[in-house]
PDB file of all heavy atoms in Angstrom:
ATOM      1  N   ALA A   1      77.232  78.380 135.825  1.00  0.00           N
ATOM      2  CA  ALA A   1      78.280  77.386 135.676  1.00  0.00           C
ATOM      3  C   ALA A   1      78.374  76.478 136.900  1.00  0.00           C
ATOM      4  O   ALA A   1      78.467  75.271 136.763  1.00  0.00           O
ATOM      5  CB  ALA A   1      79.640  78.087 135.486  1.00  0.00           C
ATOM      6  N   ALA A   2      78.257  77.034 138.132  1.00  0.00           N
ATOM      7  CA  ALA A   2      78.348  76.240 139.303  1.00  0.00           C
ATOM      8  C   ALA A   2      77.128  75.402 139.450  1.00  0.00           C
ATOM      9  O   ALA A   2      77.188  74.177 139.881  1.00  0.00           O
ATOM     10  CB  ALA A   2      78.496  77.162 140.525  1.00  0.00           C
ATOM     11  N   PHE A   3      75.919  75.885 139.078  1.00  0.00           N
ATOM     12  CA  PHE A   3      74.680  75.104 139.134  1.00  0.00           C
ATOM     13  C   PHE A   3      74.798  73.922 138.215  1.00  0.00           C
ATOM     14  O   PHE A   3      74.433  72.814 138.651  1.00  0.00           O
ATOM     15  CB  PHE A   3      73.532  75.992 138.691  1.00  0.00           C
ATOM     16  CG  PHE A   3      72.176  75.339 138.732  1.00  0.00           C
ATOM     17  CD1 PHE A   3      71.361  75.482 139.849  1.00  0.00           C
ATOM     18  CD2 PHE A   3      71.743  74.583 137.702  1.00  0.00           C
ATOM     19  CE1 PHE A   3      70.117  74.863 139.894  1.00  0.00           C
ATOM     20  CE2 PHE A   3      70.456  73.954 137.702  1.00  0.00           C
ATOM     21  CZ  PHE A   3      69.637  74.120 138.792  1.00  0.00           C
ATOM     22  N   MET A   4      75.237  74.089 136.992  1.00  0.00           N
ATOM     23  CA  MET A   4      75.305  72.985 136.046  1.00  0.00           C
ATOM     24  C   MET A   4      76.335  71.950 136.484  1.00  0.00           C
ATOM     25  O   MET A   4      76.175  70.728 136.272  1.00  0.00           O
ATOM     26  CB  MET A   4      75.550  73.467 134.638  1.00  0.00           C
ATOM     27  CG  MET A   4      74.380  74.308 134.057  1.00  0.00           C
ATOM     28  SD  MET A   4      72.787  73.473 134.139  1.00  0.00           S
ATOM     29  CE  MET A   4      73.127  72.003 133.154  1.00  0.00           C
ATOM     30  N   LEU A   5      77.465  72.416 137.038  1.00  0.00           N
ATOM     31  CA  LEU A   5      78.481  71.509 137.534  1.00  0.00           C
ATOM     32  C   LEU A   5      77.911  70.612 138.656  1.00  0.00           C
ATOM     33  O   LEU A   5      78.097  69.387 138.672  1.00  0.00           O
ATOM     34  CB  LEU A   5      79.696  72.281 138.070  1.00  0.00           C
ATOM     35  CG  LEU A   5      80.886  71.451 138.568  1.00  0.00           C
ATOM     36  CD1 LEU A   5      81.451  70.627 137.453  1.00  0.00           C
ATOM     37  CD2 LEU A   5      81.945  72.434 139.136  1.00  0.00           C
ATOM     38  N   ALA A   6      77.147  71.198 139.567  1.00  0.00           N
ATOM     39  CA  ALA A   6      76.519  70.440 140.594  1.00  0.00           C
ATOM     40  C   ALA A   6      75.439  69.497 140.090  1.00  0.00           C
ATOM     41  O   ALA A   6      75.278  68.383 140.544  1.00  0.00           O
ATOM     42  CB  ALA A   6      75.933  71.362 141.676  1.00  0.00           C
ATOM     43  N   ALA A   7      74.727  69.918 139.031  1.00  0.00           N
ATOM     44  CA  ALA A   7      73.643  69.185 138.516  1.00  0.00           C
ATOM     45  C   ALA A   7      74.129  67.929 137.758  1.00  0.00           C
ATOM     46  O   ALA A   7      73.379  66.903 137.725  1.00  0.00           O
ATOM     47  CB  ALA A   7      72.817  70.013 137.545  1.00  0.00           C
ATOM     48  N   ARG A   8      75.331  67.968 137.238  1.00  0.00           N
ATOM     49  CA  ARG A   8      75.826  66.830 136.505  1.00  0.00           C
ATOM     50  C   ARG A   8      75.996  65.591 137.373  1.00  0.00           C
ATOM     51  O   ARG A   8      75.943  64.449 136.846  1.00  0.00           O
ATOM     52  CB  ARG A   8      77.181  67.178 135.873  1.00  0.00           C
ATOM     53  CG  ARG A   8      77.162  68.120 134.737  1.00  0.00           C
ATOM     54  CD  ARG A   8      78.519  68.228 134.016  1.00  0.00           C
ATOM     55  NE  ARG A   8      78.503  69.296 133.059  1.00  0.00           N
ATOM     56  CZ  ARG A   8      79.069  70.469 133.219  1.00  0.00           C
ATOM     57  NH1 ARG A   8      79.799  70.689 134.323  1.00  0.00           N
ATOM     58  NH2 ARG A   8      79.037  71.428 132.301  1.00  0.00           N
ATOM     59  N   ALA A   9      76.100  65.742 138.662  1.00  0.00           N
ATOM     60  CA  ALA A   9      76.251  64.601 139.585  1.00  0.00           C
ATOM     61  C   ALA A   9      74.885  64.008 139.977  1.00  0.00           C
ATOM     62  O   ALA A   9      74.806  62.986 140.671  1.00  0.00           O
ATOM     63  CB  ALA A   9      77.021  64.987 140.809  1.00  0.00           C
ATOM     64  N   GLU A  10      73.758  64.671 139.552  1.00  0.00           N
ATOM     65  CA  GLU A  10      72.452  64.209 139.963  1.00  0.00           C
ATOM     66  C   GLU A  10      71.589  63.960 138.718  1.00  0.00           C
ATOM     67  O   GLU A  10      71.122  64.878 138.067  1.00  0.00           O
ATOM     68  CB  GLU A  10      71.780  65.290 140.787  1.00  0.00           C
ATOM     69  CG  GLU A  10      72.502  65.599 142.122  1.00  0.00           C
ATOM     70  CD  GLU A  10      72.447  64.417 143.115  1.00  0.00           C
ATOM     71  OE1 GLU A  10      71.438  63.602 143.050  1.00  0.00           O
ATOM     72  OE2 GLU A  10      73.353  64.318 143.958  1.00  0.00           O
ATOM     73  N   ALA A  11      71.467  62.711 138.335  1.00  0.00           N
ATOM     74  CA  ALA A  11      70.801  62.314 137.061  1.00  0.00           C
ATOM     75  C   ALA A  11      69.347  62.878 136.998  1.00  0.00           C
ATOM     76  O   ALA A  11      68.893  63.413 136.004  1.00  0.00           O
ATOM     77  CB  ALA A  11      70.800  60.812 136.865  1.00  0.00           C
ATOM     78  N   GLY A  12      68.690  62.759 138.208  1.00  0.00           N
ATOM     79  CA  GLY A  12      67.285  63.245 138.200  1.00  0.00           C
ATOM     80  C   GLY A  12      67.196  64.697 137.948  1.00  0.00           C
ATOM     81  O   GLY A  12      66.290  65.193 137.218  1.00  0.00           O
ATOM     82  N   LEU A  13      68.097  65.453 138.548  1.00  0.00           N
ATOM     83  CA  LEU A  13      68.063  66.909 138.368  1.00  0.00           C
ATOM     84  C   LEU A  13      68.490  67.334 136.905  1.00  0.00           C
ATOM     85  O   LEU A  13      67.814  68.201 136.321  1.00  0.00           O
ATOM     86  CB  LEU A  13      69.116  67.571 139.362  1.00  0.00           C
ATOM     87  CG  LEU A  13      69.282  69.071 139.226  1.00  0.00           C
ATOM     88  CD1 LEU A  13      67.940  69.813 139.279  1.00  0.00           C
ATOM     89  CD2 LEU A  13      70.241  69.568 140.314  1.00  0.00           C
ATOM     90  N   LEU A  14      69.487  66.589 136.394  1.00  0.00           N
ATOM     91  CA  LEU A  14      69.846  66.915 135.047  1.00  0.00           C
ATOM     92  C   LEU A  14      68.714  66.651 134.072  1.00  0.00           C
ATOM     93  O   LEU A  14      68.546  67.429 133.128  1.00  0.00           O
ATOM     94  CB  LEU A  14      71.111  66.065 134.656  1.00  0.00           C
ATOM     95  CG  LEU A  14      72.017  66.620 133.564  1.00  0.00           C
ATOM     96  CD1 LEU A  14      72.508  68.009 133.905  1.00  0.00           C
ATOM     97  CD2 LEU A  14      73.178  65.691 133.357  1.00  0.00           C
ATOM     98  N   ASN A  15      67.961  65.614 134.254  1.00  0.00           N
ATOM     99  CA  ASN A  15      66.826  65.300 133.478  1.00  0.00           C
ATOM    100  C   ASN A  15      65.736  66.399 133.577  1.00  0.00           C
ATOM    101  O   ASN A  15      65.103  66.839 132.603  1.00  0.00           O
ATOM    102  CB  ASN A  15      66.207  63.980 133.808  1.00  0.00           C
ATOM    103  CG  ASN A  15      65.030  63.627 132.965  1.00  0.00           C
ATOM    104  OD1 ASN A  15      65.173  63.382 131.727  1.00  0.00           O
ATOM    105  ND2 ASN A  15      63.834  63.529 133.513  1.00  0.00           N
ATOM    106  N   GLU A  16      65.549  66.907 134.807  1.00  0.00           N
ATOM    107  CA  GLU A  16      64.549  67.994 135.042  1.00  0.00           C
ATOM    108  C   GLU A  16      64.952  69.265 134.271  1.00  0.00           C
ATOM    109  O   GLU A  16      64.127  69.894 133.636  1.00  0.00           O
ATOM    110  CB  GLU A  16      64.399  68.231 136.545  1.00  0.00           C
ATOM    111  CG  GLU A  16      63.515  69.415 136.890  1.00  0.00           C
ATOM    112  CD  GLU A  16      62.048  69.180 136.652  1.00  0.00           C
ATOM    113  OE1 GLU A  16      61.670  67.995 136.571  1.00  0.00           O
ATOM    114  OE2 GLU A  16      61.308  70.134 136.513  1.00  0.00           O
ATOM    115  N   VAL A  17      66.198  69.570 134.416  1.00  0.00           N
ATOM    116  CA  VAL A  17      66.752  70.757 133.696  1.00  0.00           C
ATOM    117  C   VAL A  17      66.597  70.630 132.149  1.00  0.00           C
ATOM    118  O   VAL A  17      66.125  71.522 131.472  1.00  0.00           O
ATOM    119  CB  VAL A  17      68.191  71.039 134.078  1.00  0.00           C
ATOM    120  CG1 VAL A  17      68.796  72.163 133.225  1.00  0.00           C
ATOM    121  CG2 VAL A  17      68.294  71.411 135.575  1.00  0.00           C
ATOM    122  N   LEU A  18      66.863  69.389 131.656  1.00  0.00           N
ATOM    123  CA  LEU A  18      66.762  69.139 130.200  1.00  0.00           C
ATOM    124  C   LEU A  18      65.360  69.277 129.771  1.00  0.00           C
ATOM    125  O   LEU A  18      65.028  69.933 128.745  1.00  0.00           O
ATOM    126  CB  LEU A  18      67.305  67.769 129.900  1.00  0.00           C
ATOM    127  CG  LEU A  18      67.178  67.329 128.430  1.00  0.00           C
ATOM    128  CD1 LEU A  18      67.921  68.284 127.524  1.00  0.00           C
ATOM    129  CD2 LEU A  18      67.670  65.926 128.274  1.00  0.00           C
ATOM    130  N   GLN A  19      64.421  68.714 130.485  1.00  0.00           N
ATOM    131  CA  GLN A  19      62.981  68.800 130.102  1.00  0.00           C
ATOM    132  C   GLN A  19      62.506  70.229 130.109  1.00  0.00           C
ATOM    133  O   GLN A  19      61.776  70.607 129.221  1.00  0.00           O
ATOM    134  CB  GLN A  19      62.129  67.946 131.068  1.00  0.00           C
ATOM    135  CG  GLN A  19      62.377  66.422 131.007  1.00  0.00           C
ATOM    136  CD  GLN A  19      62.068  65.863 129.564  1.00  0.00           C
ATOM    137  OE1 GLN A  19      61.128  66.253 128.928  1.00  0.00           O
ATOM    138  NE2 GLN A  19      62.990  65.087 129.086  1.00  0.00           N
ATOM    139  N   ARG A  20      62.912  71.004 131.097  1.00  0.00           N
ATOM    140  CA  ARG A  20      62.504  72.372 131.121  1.00  0.00           C
ATOM    141  C   ARG A  20      63.169  73.169 129.961  1.00  0.00           C
ATOM    142  O   ARG A  20      62.475  74.049 129.372  1.00  0.00           O
ATOM    143  CB  ARG A  20      62.894  73.021 132.445  1.00  0.00           C
ATOM    144  CG  ARG A  20      62.029  72.576 133.611  1.00  0.00           C
ATOM    145  CD  ARG A  20      62.523  72.996 134.974  1.00  0.00           C
ATOM    146  NE  ARG A  20      61.619  72.691 136.011  1.00  0.00           N
ATOM    147  CZ  ARG A  20      60.728  73.493 136.591  1.00  0.00           C
ATOM    148  NH1 ARG A  20      60.627  74.722 136.109  1.00  0.00           N
ATOM    149  NH2 ARG A  20      59.932  73.124 137.556  1.00  0.00           N
ATOM    150  N   ALA A  21      64.391  72.835 129.631  1.00  0.00           N
ATOM    151  CA  ALA A  21      65.084  73.510 128.521  1.00  0.00           C
ATOM    152  C   ALA A  21      64.396  73.221 127.201  1.00  0.00           C
ATOM    153  O   ALA A  21      64.231  74.069 126.327  1.00  0.00           O
ATOM    154  CB  ALA A  21      66.563  73.098 128.471  1.00  0.00           C
ATOM    155  N   LEU A  22      63.918  71.946 127.025  1.00  0.00           N
ATOM    156  CA  LEU A  22      63.222  71.588 125.841  1.00  0.00           C
ATOM    157  C   LEU A  22      61.870  72.282 125.675  1.00  0.00           C
ATOM    158  O   LEU A  22      61.492  72.762 124.647  1.00  0.00           O
ATOM    159  CB  LEU A  22      63.018  70.038 125.761  1.00  0.00           C
ATOM    160  CG  LEU A  22      64.272  69.212 125.519  1.00  0.00           C
ATOM    161  CD1 LEU A  22      63.975  67.769 125.655  1.00  0.00           C
ATOM    162  CD2 LEU A  22      64.911  69.519 124.180  1.00  0.00           C
ATOM    163  N   ARG A  23      61.172  72.442 126.821  1.00  0.00           N
ATOM    164  CA  ARG A  23      59.870  73.221 126.804  1.00  0.00           C
ATOM    165  C   ARG A  23      60.149  74.634 126.444  1.00  0.00           C
ATOM    166  O   ARG A  23      59.354  75.242 125.702  1.00  0.00           O
ATOM    167  CB  ARG A  23      59.192  73.057 128.146  1.00  0.00           C
ATOM    168  CG  ARG A  23      58.636  71.657 128.423  1.00  0.00           C
ATOM    169  CD  ARG A  23      57.564  71.722 129.531  1.00  0.00           C
ATOM    170  NE  ARG A  23      58.180  71.996 130.868  1.00  0.00           N
ATOM    171  CZ  ARG A  23      58.651  71.089 131.681  1.00  0.00           C
ATOM    172  NH1 ARG A  23      58.621  69.792 131.312  1.00  0.00           N
ATOM    173  NH2 ARG A  23      59.104  71.462 132.849  1.00  0.00           N
ATOM    174  N   ALA A  24      61.195  75.236 126.998  1.00  0.00           N
ATOM    175  CA  ALA A  24      61.597  76.591 126.677  1.00  0.00           C
ATOM    176  C   ALA A  24      61.911  76.747 125.145  1.00  0.00           C
ATOM    177  O   ALA A  24      61.546  77.712 124.510  1.00  0.00           O
ATOM    178  CB  ALA A  24      62.727  77.075 127.513  1.00  0.00           C
ATOM    179  N   LEU A  25      62.596  75.720 124.636  1.00  0.00           N
ATOM    180  CA  LEU A  25      62.958  75.768 123.251  1.00  0.00           C
ATOM    181  C   LEU A  25      61.727  75.660 122.371  1.00  0.00           C
ATOM    182  O   LEU A  25      61.566  76.338 121.331  1.00  0.00           O
ATOM    183  CB  LEU A  25      63.896  74.535 122.847  1.00  0.00           C
ATOM    184  CG  LEU A  25      64.315  74.410 121.439  1.00  0.00           C
ATOM    185  CD1 LEU A  25      65.013  75.642 120.912  1.00  0.00           C
ATOM    186  CD2 LEU A  25      65.189  73.161 121.259  1.00  0.00           C
ATOM    187  N   ASP A  26      60.737  74.837 122.760  1.00  0.00           N
ATOM    188  CA  ASP A  26      59.439  74.751 122.024  1.00  0.00           C
ATOM    189  C   ASP A  26      58.771  76.127 122.011  1.00  0.00           C
ATOM    190  O   ASP A  26      58.235  76.562 120.968  1.00  0.00           O
ATOM    191  CB  ASP A  26      58.552  73.724 122.651  1.00  0.00           C
ATOM    192  CG  ASP A  26      58.949  72.327 122.368  1.00  0.00           C
ATOM    193  OD1 ASP A  26      59.757  72.082 121.402  1.00  0.00           O
ATOM    194  OD2 ASP A  26      58.507  71.379 123.129  1.00  0.00           O
ATOM    195  N   ARG A  27      58.756  76.776 123.145  1.00  0.00           N
ATOM    196  CA  ARG A  27      58.095  78.127 123.190  1.00  0.00           C
ATOM    197  C   ARG A  27      58.853  79.118 122.352  1.00  0.00           C
ATOM    198  O   ARG A  27      58.294  80.034 121.655  1.00  0.00           O
ATOM    199  CB  ARG A  27      58.030  78.648 124.624  1.00  0.00           C
ATOM    200  CG  ARG A  27      57.050  77.848 125.473  1.00  0.00           C
ATOM    201  CD  ARG A  27      56.669  78.570 126.770  1.00  0.00           C
ATOM    202  NE  ARG A  27      57.814  78.662 127.696  1.00  0.00           N
ATOM    203  CZ  ARG A  27      58.035  77.785 128.661  1.00  0.00           C
ATOM    204  NH1 ARG A  27      57.221  76.761 128.839  1.00  0.00           N
ATOM    205  NH2 ARG A  27      59.071  77.917 129.470  1.00  0.00           N
TER     206      ARG A  27
END
């Protein structure tokens, strides 16, 4: 929860997390 709260303020990080989540979803 704290990680995602901090990530919301950083567009580049949020995009990185999203891309990794999508790859995990594909797997």
